[in-house]
Amino acid sequence: MPAGPMHAHEAPLDDALVRRLLAARFPRWAELPLKRVESAGTVNALYRLGDDMVVRLPRIAAGADDVVKEGMWLPRLAPLLPVPVPELLAVGPPGEDYPWSWGVLRWLEGELPAVGALDDAEELALGLGRFVAAMRDVDLPGGPPAYRGGPLATVDAETRTAIAALHGTVDTTAATAAWEAALAQPPWTGPPVWVHSDLMPMNLLVHQGRLSAVLDFATVGTGDPACDLIAAWNLLPASARPAFRDAAGADDATWARGRGWALSMALVQLPYYRTTNPVIAANAEHVIREVLAEL
């Protein structure tokens, strides 16, 4: 998804609007308990509906087509993946002064992983690696281009702009050297493979230390598998990265490009979100530290 929210085009959302949408399209669910789910996400708002459903509504125009994309691909991907993924139960049309389509999905149990305080980092690393490998091995023709499935060079300009904006905040000399080292890696020459391409901590659920679900497939598609390695630096400690890499089956060049994706995302996110989304900004700072320490 885009590096930052488009606040000027954000749709106002509240409980009353969600209930009106439900009453107009799905009256059988309109009286169920409804509670907004706290989330650091910038694209969608979530409302838990009853015990086993969640309403997901785009907050910005950039997420307007997500429900259609996920409705097309998730039913085909789900049987091929080792952990549960969202199940779209129904799609609601625009209405009640709300401009976009929205979805009702099955609620998935689990907790967001706590960066720096994982119950079992090694087990989580193995689960994530197996998920990444399973995505790469999916054989479904006609997949769309993944959001981050292209070469690192496609984000070179915005990454360098972000580095300049962070002068005095991070070691920009080291960040530039790390970024250029990633750009210098051999590109992916194999066929495009399936990737999630947004494996941020907020898109993962864990239970008793294990990966229990992967969320938000708005960026899913085909491309270079390196972009799915970002979890090595945005979530896992250095001690668990070898297990993740081994389970994911990443060669040296793919691993280095993955590190480049993690660094680029963090560098772009930090100046954008440091005053508007402290959760994303804190994770970006963490990733930059982890990447530069590793190098």
C-alpha atoms as a PDB file:
ATOM      1  CA  MET A   1       0.000   0.000   0.000  1.00  0.00           C
ATOM      2  CA  PRO A   2       1.124   3.625  -0.257  1.00  0.00           C
ATOM      3  CA  ALA A   3       3.751   4.771   2.179  1.00  0.00           C
ATOM      4  CA  GLY A   4       1.325   7.064   3.962  1.00  0.00           C
ATOM      5  CA  PRO A   5      -2.374   7.729   4.491  1.00  0.00           C
ATOM      6  CA  MET A   6      -4.278  10.125   2.262  1.00  0.00           C
ATOM      7  CA  HIS A   7      -5.939  12.034   5.073  1.00  0.00           C
ATOM      8  CA  ALA A   8      -7.537  14.553   2.743  1.00  0.00           C
ATOM      9  CA  HIS A   9      -9.650  11.763   1.249  1.00  0.00           C
ATOM     10  CA  GLU A  10     -10.364   9.829   4.430  1.00  0.00           C
ATOM     11  CA  ALA A  11     -13.914   8.651   4.960  1.00  0.00           C
ATOM     12  CA  PRO A  12     -15.438   9.509   8.372  1.00  0.00           C
ATOM     13  CA  LEU A  13     -16.404   6.325  10.187  1.00  0.00           C
ATOM     14  CA  ASP A  14     -18.258   5.629  13.407  1.00  0.00           C
ATOM     15  CA  ASP A  15     -20.408   2.924  14.964  1.00  0.00           C
ATOM     16  CA  ALA A  16     -23.635   4.507  13.757  1.00  0.00           C
ATOM     17  CA  LEU A  17     -22.492   4.501  10.127  1.00  0.00           C
ATOM     18  CA  VAL A  18     -21.433   0.854  10.306  1.00  0.00           C
ATOM     19  CA  ARG A  19     -24.805  -0.105  11.791  1.00  0.00           C
ATOM     20  CA  ARG A  20     -26.618   1.790   9.013  1.00  0.00           C
ATOM     21  CA  LEU A  21     -24.551  -0.023   6.382  1.00  0.00           C
ATOM     22  CA  LEU A  22     -25.312  -3.379   7.980  1.00  0.00           C
ATOM     23  CA  ALA A  23     -29.026  -2.606   8.323  1.00  0.00           C
ATOM     24  CA  ALA A  24     -29.266  -1.598   4.675  1.00  0.00           C
ATOM     25  CA  ARG A  25     -27.421  -4.600   3.257  1.00  0.00           C
ATOM     26  CA  PHE A  26     -27.286  -7.340   5.902  1.00  0.00           C
ATOM     27  CA  PRO A  27     -30.159  -6.722   8.340  1.00  0.00           C
ATOM     28  CA  ARG A  28     -29.685 -10.165   9.938  1.00  0.00           C
ATOM     29  CA  TRP A  29     -26.394  -8.882  11.388  1.00  0.00           C
ATOM     30  CA  ALA A  30     -27.399  -5.322  12.162  1.00  0.00           C
ATOM     31  CA  GLU A  31     -28.260  -5.887  15.837  1.00  0.00           C
ATOM     32  CA  LEU A  32     -25.215  -7.977  16.755  1.00  0.00           C
ATOM     33  CA  PRO A  33     -22.721  -6.460  19.210  1.00  0.00           C
ATOM     34  CA  LEU A  34     -20.348  -4.083  17.420  1.00  0.00           C
ATOM     35  CA  LYS A  35     -17.029  -2.764  18.704  1.00  0.00           C
ATOM     36  CA  ARG A  36     -14.228  -0.932  16.925  1.00  0.00           C
ATOM     37  CA  VAL A  37     -10.926  -2.805  16.949  1.00  0.00           C
ATOM     38  CA  GLU A  38      -7.915  -0.710  17.864  1.00  0.00           C
ATOM     39  CA  SER A  39      -5.418  -0.846  15.015  1.00  0.00           C
ATOM     40  CA  ALA A  40      -2.341   1.031  13.854  1.00  0.00           C
ATOM     41  CA  GLY A  41      -3.284   0.312  10.249  1.00  0.00           C
ATOM     42  CA  THR A  42      -3.663   3.299   7.940  1.00  0.00           C
ATOM     43  CA  VAL A  43      -5.924   1.902   5.200  1.00  0.00           C
ATOM     44  CA  ASN A  44      -8.830   0.057   6.862  1.00  0.00           C
ATOM     45  CA  ALA A  45     -11.016   0.393   9.934  1.00  0.00           C
ATOM     46  CA  LEU A  46     -12.094  -2.783  11.719  1.00  0.00           C
ATOM     47  CA  TYR A  47     -15.251  -3.441  13.751  1.00  0.00           C
ATOM     48  CA  ARG A  48     -15.762  -6.736  15.524  1.00  0.00           C
ATOM     49  CA  LEU A  49     -19.271  -7.983  14.801  1.00  0.00           C
ATOM     50  CA  GLY A  50     -20.723 -10.500  17.225  1.00  0.00           C
ATOM     51  CA  ASP A  51     -18.362 -13.262  18.293  1.00  0.00           C
ATOM     52  CA  ASP A  52     -17.059 -14.536  14.986  1.00  0.00           C
ATOM     53  CA  MET A  53     -17.100 -11.767  12.370  1.00  0.00           C
ATOM     54  CA  VAL A  54     -15.358  -8.486  11.622  1.00  0.00           C
ATOM     55  CA  VAL A  55     -16.433  -5.602   9.395  1.00  0.00           C
ATOM     56  CA  ARG A  56     -13.555  -4.076   7.445  1.00  0.00           C
ATOM     57  CA  LEU A  57     -14.076  -0.719   5.781  1.00  0.00           C
ATOM     58  CA  PRO A  58     -11.554   1.252   3.728  1.00  0.00           C
ATOM     59  CA  ARG A  59     -10.747   4.586   5.319  1.00  0.00           C
ATOM     60  CA  ILE A  60      -9.025   5.963   2.217  1.00  0.00           C
ATOM     61  CA  ALA A  61      -9.473   5.712  -1.534  1.00  0.00           C
ATOM     62  CA  ALA A  62      -6.304   3.625  -1.871  1.00  0.00           C
ATOM     63  CA  GLY A  63      -8.097   0.715  -0.186  1.00  0.00           C
ATOM     64  CA  ALA A  64     -11.310   0.950  -2.181  1.00  0.00           C
ATOM     65  CA  ASP A  65     -10.606  -2.081  -4.391  1.00  0.00           C
ATOM     66  CA  ASP A  66      -9.091  -4.318  -1.704  1.00  0.00           C
ATOM     67  CA  VAL A  67     -12.265  -6.216  -0.872  1.00  0.00           C
ATOM     68  CA  VAL A  68     -12.805  -7.173  -4.512  1.00  0.00           C
ATOM     69  CA  LYS A  69      -9.195  -8.303  -4.928  1.00  0.00           C
ATOM     70  CA  GLU A  70      -9.247 -10.373  -1.759  1.00  0.00           C
ATOM     71  CA  GLY A  71     -12.621 -11.847  -2.672  1.00  0.00           C
ATOM     72  CA  MET A  72     -11.122 -13.036  -5.945  1.00  0.00           C
ATOM     73  CA  TRP A  73      -7.868 -14.534  -4.658  1.00  0.00           C
ATOM     74  CA  LEU A  74      -8.243 -15.525  -0.997  1.00  0.00           C
ATOM     75  CA  PRO A  75     -10.594 -18.483  -1.608  1.00  0.00           C
ATOM     76  CA  ARG A  76      -8.020 -19.889  -4.045  1.00  0.00           C
ATOM     77  CA  LEU A  77      -4.998 -19.173  -1.883  1.00  0.00           C
ATOM     78  CA  ALA A  78      -6.407 -20.331   1.453  1.00  0.00           C
ATOM     79  CA  PRO A  79      -6.287 -24.113   0.795  1.00  0.00           C
ATOM     80  CA  LEU A  80      -2.648 -23.841  -0.296  1.00  0.00           C
ATOM     81  CA  LEU A  81      -1.327 -22.032   2.784  1.00  0.00           C
ATOM     82  CA  PRO A  82      -0.206 -23.489   6.138  1.00  0.00           C
ATOM     83  CA  VAL A  83      -2.088 -21.036   8.394  1.00  0.00           C
ATOM     84  CA  PRO A  84      -5.551 -19.455   8.265  1.00  0.00           C
ATOM     85  CA  VAL A  85      -6.076 -16.321   6.194  1.00  0.00           C
ATOM     86  CA  PRO A  86      -9.089 -14.002   6.059  1.00  0.00           C
ATOM     87  CA  GLU A  87     -12.342 -15.496   4.810  1.00  0.00           C
ATOM     88  CA  LEU A  88     -14.630 -13.016   3.122  1.00  0.00           C
ATOM     89  CA  LEU A  89     -18.239 -13.771   4.078  1.00  0.00           C
ATOM     90  CA  ALA A  90     -20.006 -10.911   2.324  1.00  0.00           C
ATOM     91  CA  VAL A  91     -19.363  -7.696   0.395  1.00  0.00           C
ATOM     92  CA  GLY A  92     -21.387  -4.573   1.052  1.00  0.00           C
ATOM     93  CA  PRO A  93     -21.872  -1.852  -1.583  1.00  0.00           C
ATOM     94  CA  PRO A  94     -21.331   1.879  -1.112  1.00  0.00           C
ATOM     95  CA  GLY A  95     -24.225   3.615   0.587  1.00  0.00           C
ATOM     96  CA  GLU A  96     -25.387   5.633   3.575  1.00  0.00           C
ATOM     97  CA  ASP A  97     -22.940   8.401   2.558  1.00  0.00           C
ATOM     98  CA  TYR A  98     -20.059   5.887   2.559  1.00  0.00           C
ATOM     99  CA  PRO A  99     -18.285   5.885  -0.837  1.00  0.00           C
ATOM    100  CA  TRP A 100     -16.673   2.431  -1.197  1.00  0.00           C
ATOM    101  CA  SER A 101     -17.347  -1.290  -1.043  1.00  0.00           C
ATOM    102  CA  TRP A 102     -16.670  -2.949   2.318  1.00  0.00           C
ATOM    103  CA  GLY A 103     -16.478  -6.481   3.625  1.00  0.00           C
ATOM    104  CA  VAL A 104     -17.618  -8.785   6.418  1.00  0.00           C
ATOM    105  CA  LEU A 105     -14.984 -11.388   7.232  1.00  0.00           C
ATOM    106  CA  ARG A 106     -14.679 -14.269   9.648  1.00  0.00           C
ATOM    107  CA  TRP A 107     -12.940 -13.261  12.889  1.00  0.00           C
ATOM    108  CA  LEU A 108      -9.536 -14.914  13.332  1.00  0.00           C
ATOM    109  CA  GLU A 109      -8.349 -15.560  16.865  1.00  0.00           C
ATOM    110  CA  GLY A 110      -4.854 -14.608  17.957  1.00  0.00           C
ATOM    111  CA  GLU A 111      -2.747 -11.716  19.173  1.00  0.00           C
ATOM    112  CA  LEU A 112      -0.466  -9.298  17.404  1.00  0.00           C
ATOM    113  CA  PRO A 113       3.173 -10.273  17.971  1.00  0.00           C
ATOM    114  CA  ALA A 114       5.074  -7.993  20.345  1.00  0.00           C
ATOM    115  CA  VAL A 115       8.323  -6.900  18.725  1.00  0.00           C
ATOM    116  CA  GLY A 116      11.133  -7.485  21.189  1.00  0.00           C
ATOM    117  CA  ALA A 117       9.015  -9.686  23.451  1.00  0.00           C
ATOM    118  CA  LEU A 118       8.123 -12.769  21.425  1.00  0.00           C
ATOM    119  CA  ASP A 119       7.111 -15.859  23.392  1.00  0.00           C
ATOM    120  CA  ASP A 120       9.015 -18.223  21.084  1.00  0.00           C
ATOM    121  CA  ALA A 121      10.957 -16.374  18.404  1.00  0.00           C
ATOM    122  CA  GLU A 122      12.424 -19.527  16.885  1.00  0.00           C
ATOM    123  CA  GLU A 123       9.030 -21.190  16.474  1.00  0.00           C
ATOM    124  CA  LEU A 124       7.518 -18.033  15.034  1.00  0.00           C
ATOM    125  CA  ALA A 125      10.455 -17.742  12.624  1.00  0.00           C
ATOM    126  CA  LEU A 126       9.847 -21.274  11.380  1.00  0.00           C
ATOM    127  CA  GLY A 127       6.137 -20.617  10.899  1.00  0.00           C
ATOM    128  CA  LEU A 128       6.782 -17.413   9.003  1.00  0.00           C
ATOM    129  CA  GLY A 129       9.394 -19.083   6.827  1.00  0.00           C
ATOM    130  CA  ARG A 130       7.014 -21.911   5.977  1.00  0.00           C
ATOM    131  CA  PHE A 131       4.318 -19.405   5.080  1.00  0.00           C
ATOM    132  CA  VAL A 132       6.696 -17.484   2.794  1.00  0.00           C
ATOM    133  CA  ALA A 133       7.805 -20.729   1.122  1.00  0.00           C
ATOM    134  CA  ALA A 134       4.193 -21.857   0.673  1.00  0.00           C
ATOM    135  CA  MET A 135       3.281 -18.544  -0.954  1.00  0.00           C
ATOM    136  CA  ARG A 136       6.239 -18.836  -3.314  1.00  0.00           C
ATOM    137  CA  ASP A 137       5.179 -22.371  -4.287  1.00  0.00           C
ATOM    138  CA  VAL A 138       1.571 -21.456  -5.082  1.00  0.00           C
ATOM    139  CA  ASP A 139       0.661 -22.418  -8.627  1.00  0.00           C
ATOM    140  CA  LEU A 140      -2.205 -20.121  -9.591  1.00  0.00           C
ATOM    141  CA  PRO A 141      -2.021 -18.511 -13.029  1.00  0.00           C
ATOM    142  CA  GLY A 142      -3.023 -14.954 -13.737  1.00  0.00           C
ATOM    143  CA  GLY A 143      -1.948 -13.365 -10.465  1.00  0.00           C
ATOM    144  CA  PRO A 144      -1.716  -9.568 -10.407  1.00  0.00           C
ATOM    145  CA  PRO A 145       1.658  -7.853  -9.965  1.00  0.00           C
ATOM    146  CA  ALA A 146       2.452  -7.660  -6.251  1.00  0.00           C
ATOM    147  CA  TYR A 147       2.708  -4.224  -4.694  1.00  0.00           C
ATOM    148  CA  ARG A 148       6.387  -4.738  -3.834  1.00  0.00           C
ATOM    149  CA  GLY A 149       7.142  -7.445  -6.367  1.00  0.00           C
ATOM    150  CA  GLY A 150       9.371  -5.416  -8.669  1.00  0.00           C
ATOM    151  CA  PRO A 151      13.073  -4.528  -8.484  1.00  0.00           C
ATOM    152  CA  LEU A 152      14.394  -2.486  -5.577  1.00  0.00           C
ATOM    153  CA  ALA A 153      15.375   0.190  -8.079  1.00  0.00           C
ATOM    154  CA  THR A 154      11.698   1.098  -8.424  1.00  0.00           C
ATOM    155  CA  VAL A 155      11.836   2.696  -4.954  1.00  0.00           C
ATOM    156  CA  ASP A 156      15.339   4.156  -5.180  1.00  0.00           C
ATOM    157  CA  ALA A 157      14.258   7.780  -5.550  1.00  0.00           C
ATOM    158  CA  GLU A 158      11.805   7.753  -2.630  1.00  0.00           C
ATOM    159  CA  THR A 159      14.292   5.874  -0.440  1.00  0.00           C
ATOM    160  CA  ARG A 160      17.025   8.441  -1.055  1.00  0.00           C
ATOM    161  CA  THR A 161      14.559  11.269  -0.431  1.00  0.00           C
ATOM    162  CA  ALA A 162      13.677   9.669   2.902  1.00  0.00           C
ATOM    163  CA  ILE A 163      17.339   9.272   3.834  1.00  0.00           C
ATOM    164  CA  ALA A 164      17.882  12.986   3.194  1.00  0.00           C
ATOM    165  CA  ALA A 165      14.832  13.827   5.320  1.00  0.00           C
ATOM    166  CA  LEU A 166      16.276  11.782   8.209  1.00  0.00           C
ATOM    167  CA  HIS A 167      19.600  13.617   8.362  1.00  0.00           C
ATOM    168  CA  GLY A 168      20.397  14.113  12.031  1.00  0.00           C
ATOM    169  CA  THR A 169      17.905  11.402  13.061  1.00  0.00           C
ATOM    170  CA  VAL A 170      19.658   8.294  11.742  1.00  0.00           C
ATOM    171  CA  ASP A 171      23.174   7.543  10.499  1.00  0.00           C
ATOM    172  CA  THR A 172      22.470   8.580   6.932  1.00  0.00           C
ATOM    173  CA  THR A 173      25.935   7.596   5.730  1.00  0.00           C
ATOM    174  CA  ALA A 174      25.444   4.045   6.969  1.00  0.00           C
ATOM    175  CA  ALA A 175      21.870   3.957   5.677  1.00  0.00           C
ATOM    176  CA  THR A 176      22.979   5.077   2.227  1.00  0.00           C
ATOM    177  CA  ALA A 177      25.748   2.458   2.150  1.00  0.00           C
ATOM    178  CA  ALA A 178      23.297  -0.262   3.230  1.00  0.00           C
ATOM    179  CA  TRP A 179      20.782   0.808   0.616  1.00  0.00           C
ATOM    180  CA  GLU A 180      23.362   0.873  -2.167  1.00  0.00           C
ATOM    181  CA  ALA A 181      24.612  -2.560  -1.134  1.00  0.00           C
ATOM    182  CA  ALA A 182      21.083  -3.909  -1.552  1.00  0.00           C
ATOM    183  CA  LEU A 183      20.674  -2.219  -4.941  1.00  0.00           C
ATOM    184  CA  ALA A 184      23.912  -3.852  -6.106  1.00  0.00           C
ATOM    185  CA  GLN A 185      22.567  -7.376  -5.571  1.00  0.00           C
ATOM    186  CA  PRO A 186      21.736  -9.559  -8.588  1.00  0.00           C
ATOM    187  CA  PRO A 187      18.065  -9.113  -9.502  1.00  0.00           C
ATOM    188  CA  TRP A 188      15.468 -11.857  -9.438  1.00  0.00           C
ATOM    189  CA  THR A 189      15.645 -13.694 -12.764  1.00  0.00           C
ATOM    190  CA  GLY A 190      13.151 -16.473 -12.097  1.00  0.00           C
ATOM    191  CA  PRO A 191       9.469 -16.403 -12.984  1.00  0.00           C
ATOM    192  CA  PRO A 192       7.232 -14.169 -10.834  1.00  0.00           C
ATOM    193  CA  VAL A 193       6.089 -16.032  -7.722  1.00  0.00           C
ATOM    194  CA  TRP A 194       3.244 -15.384  -5.302  1.00  0.00           C
ATOM    195  CA  VAL A 195       4.013 -13.055  -2.396  1.00  0.00           C
ATOM    196  CA  HIS A 196       2.011 -11.370   0.353  1.00  0.00           C
ATOM    197  CA  SER A 197       4.393  -8.366   0.183  1.00  0.00           C
ATOM    198  CA  ASP A 198       3.288  -6.658   3.421  1.00  0.00           C
ATOM    199  CA  LEU A 199       4.343  -9.001   6.239  1.00  0.00           C
ATOM    200  CA  MET A 200       4.374  -6.297   8.888  1.00  0.00           C
ATOM    201  CA  PRO A 201       3.773  -7.293  12.546  1.00  0.00           C
ATOM    202  CA  MET A 202       0.284  -5.760  12.406  1.00  0.00           C
ATOM    203  CA  ASN A 203      -0.645  -8.225   9.647  1.00  0.00           C
ATOM    204  CA  LEU A 204       0.276 -11.309  11.681  1.00  0.00           C
ATOM    205  CA  LEU A 205      -1.468 -13.157  14.496  1.00  0.00           C
ATOM    206  CA  VAL A 206       0.214 -15.493  16.979  1.00  0.00           C
ATOM    207  CA  HIS A 207      -1.042 -17.986  19.552  1.00  0.00           C
ATOM    208  CA  GLN A 208       1.194 -19.545  22.188  1.00  0.00           C
ATOM    209  CA  GLY A 209       4.256 -18.342  20.319  1.00  0.00           C
ATOM    210  CA  ARG A 210       3.253 -19.796  16.967  1.00  0.00           C
ATOM    211  CA  LEU A 211       2.055 -18.056  13.824  1.00  0.00           C
ATOM    212  CA  SER A 212      -1.717 -18.551  13.858  1.00  0.00           C
ATOM    213  CA  ALA A 213      -2.905 -16.410  10.927  1.00  0.00           C
ATOM    214  CA  VAL A 214      -1.791 -13.923   8.285  1.00  0.00           C
ATOM    215  CA  LEU A 215      -4.012 -10.916   7.568  1.00  0.00           C
ATOM    216  CA  ASP A 216      -4.557  -8.245   4.916  1.00  0.00           C
ATOM    217  CA  PHE A 217      -3.863  -9.572   1.433  1.00  0.00           C
ATOM    218  CA  ALA A 218      -4.495  -6.268  -0.323  1.00  0.00           C
ATOM    219  CA  THR A 219      -0.898  -6.237  -1.621  1.00  0.00           C
ATOM    220  CA  VAL A 220      -0.852  -9.887  -2.713  1.00  0.00           C
ATOM    221  CA  GLY A 221       0.351 -10.829  -6.173  1.00  0.00           C
ATOM    222  CA  THR A 222       3.349 -12.156  -8.039  1.00  0.00           C
ATOM    223  CA  GLY A 223       6.912 -10.921  -8.324  1.00  0.00           C
ATOM    224  CA  ASP A 224      10.315 -11.173  -6.643  1.00  0.00           C
ATOM    225  CA  PRO A 225      10.037 -13.267  -3.443  1.00  0.00           C
ATOM    226  CA  ALA A 226      12.504 -10.971  -1.651  1.00  0.00           C
ATOM    227  CA  CYS A 227       9.753  -8.631  -0.449  1.00  0.00           C
ATOM    228  CA  ASP A 228       8.315 -11.357   1.807  1.00  0.00           C
ATOM    229  CA  LEU A 229      11.544 -11.537   3.809  1.00  0.00           C
ATOM    230  CA  ILE A 230      10.931  -8.195   5.540  1.00  0.00           C
ATOM    231  CA  ALA A 231       9.676  -9.978   8.670  1.00  0.00           C
ATOM    232  CA  ALA A 232      13.266 -10.980   9.402  1.00  0.00           C
ATOM    233  CA  TRP A 233      14.022  -7.398  10.413  1.00  0.00           C
ATOM    234  CA  ASN A 234      10.658  -5.833  11.308  1.00  0.00           C
ATOM    235  CA  LEU A 235       9.761  -8.581  13.799  1.00  0.00           C
ATOM    236  CA  LEU A 236      12.350 -11.293  14.422  1.00  0.00           C
ATOM    237  CA  PRO A 237      15.468 -10.965  16.578  1.00  0.00           C
ATOM    238  CA  ALA A 238      18.823 -11.666  14.947  1.00  0.00           C
ATOM    239  CA  SER A 239      19.051 -15.038  16.698  1.00  0.00           C
ATOM    240  CA  ALA A 240      15.893 -16.300  14.942  1.00  0.00           C
ATOM    241  CA  ARG A 241      16.662 -15.051  11.445  1.00  0.00           C
ATOM    242  CA  PRO A 242      18.656 -18.112  10.337  1.00  0.00           C
ATOM    243  CA  ALA A 243      15.672 -20.368  11.087  1.00  0.00           C
ATOM    244  CA  PHE A 244      13.380 -18.043   9.127  1.00  0.00           C
ATOM    245  CA  ARG A 245      15.766 -17.855   6.186  1.00  0.00           C
ATOM    246  CA  ASP A 246      16.228 -21.622   6.086  1.00  0.00           C
ATOM    247  CA  ALA A 247      12.485 -22.301   6.209  1.00  0.00           C
ATOM    248  CA  ALA A 248      11.833 -19.656   3.558  1.00  0.00           C
ATOM    249  CA  GLY A 249      14.558 -21.071   1.310  1.00  0.00           C
ATOM    250  CA  ALA A 250      16.197 -17.718   0.521  1.00  0.00           C
ATOM    251  CA  ASP A 251      19.514 -17.590  -1.333  1.00  0.00           C
ATOM    252  CA  ASP A 252      22.129 -14.923  -0.596  1.00  0.00           C
ATOM    253  CA  ALA A 253      20.967 -12.401  -3.187  1.00  0.00           C
ATOM    254  CA  THR A 254      17.280 -12.779  -2.321  1.00  0.00           C
ATOM    255  CA  TRP A 255      18.053 -12.374   1.383  1.00  0.00           C
ATOM    256  CA  ALA A 256      20.036  -9.197   0.690  1.00  0.00           C
ATOM    257  CA  ARG A 257      17.266  -7.766  -1.472  1.00  0.00           C
ATOM    258  CA  GLY A 258      14.785  -8.598   1.288  1.00  0.00           C
ATOM    259  CA  ARG A 259      16.923  -6.663   3.742  1.00  0.00           C
ATOM    260  CA  GLY A 260      16.893  -3.798   1.248  1.00  0.00           C
ATOM    261  CA  TRP A 261      13.091  -3.872   1.127  1.00  0.00           C
ATOM    262  CA  ALA A 262      12.897  -3.818   4.921  1.00  0.00           C
ATOM    263  CA  LEU A 263      15.292  -0.870   5.058  1.00  0.00           C
ATOM    264  CA  SER A 264      13.570   1.090   2.310  1.00  0.00           C
ATOM    265  CA  MET A 265      10.133   0.648   3.874  1.00  0.00           C
ATOM    266  CA  ALA A 266      11.409   1.772   7.275  1.00  0.00           C
ATOM    267  CA  LEU A 267      13.262   4.786   5.886  1.00  0.00           C
ATOM    268  CA  VAL A 268      10.180   5.956   4.016  1.00  0.00           C
ATOM    269  CA  GLN A 269       7.806   5.281   6.913  1.00  0.00           C
ATOM    270  CA  LEU A 270       9.805   7.024   9.629  1.00  0.00           C
ATOM    271  CA  PRO A 271       9.627  10.646   8.397  1.00  0.00           C
ATOM    272  CA  TYR A 272       6.082  10.131   7.154  1.00  0.00           C
ATOM    273  CA  TYR A 273       4.609   8.628  10.306  1.00  0.00           C
ATOM    274  CA  ARG A 274       6.692   9.962  13.168  1.00  0.00           C
ATOM    275  CA  THR A 275       4.060  12.547  14.117  1.00  0.00           C
ATOM    276  CA  THR A 276       0.913  10.683  13.001  1.00  0.00           C
ATOM    277  CA  ASN A 277       1.349   6.977  13.758  1.00  0.00           C
ATOM    278  CA  PRO A 278       3.726   6.192  16.638  1.00  0.00           C
ATOM    279  CA  VAL A 279       3.375   2.414  16.258  1.00  0.00           C
ATOM    280  CA  ILE A 280       4.565   2.386  12.646  1.00  0.00           C
ATOM    281  CA  ALA A 281       7.250   4.992  13.392  1.00  0.00           C
ATOM    282  CA  ALA A 282       8.613   2.959  16.317  1.00  0.00           C
ATOM    283  CA  ASN A 283       8.761  -0.174  14.172  1.00  0.00           C
ATOM    284  CA  ALA A 284      10.543   1.774  11.429  1.00  0.00           C
ATOM    285  CA  GLU A 285      13.190   2.936  13.903  1.00  0.00           C
ATOM    286  CA  HIS A 286      13.583  -0.654  15.081  1.00  0.00           C
ATOM    287  CA  VAL A 287      14.073  -1.937  11.519  1.00  0.00           C
ATOM    288  CA  ILE A 288      16.692   0.679  10.695  1.00  0.00           C
ATOM    289  CA  ARG A 289      18.639  -0.226  13.832  1.00  0.00           C
ATOM    290  CA  GLU A 290      18.408  -3.950  13.088  1.00  0.00           C
ATOM    291  CA  VAL A 291      19.519  -3.635   9.466  1.00  0.00           C
ATOM    292  CA  LEU A 292      22.435  -1.331  10.194  1.00  0.00           C
ATOM    293  CA  ALA A 293      23.547  -3.497  13.121  1.00  0.00           C
ATOM    294  CA  GLU A 294      23.485  -6.593  10.941  1.00  0.00           C
ATOM    295  CA  LEU A 295      25.636  -4.944   8.302  1.00  0.00           C
END
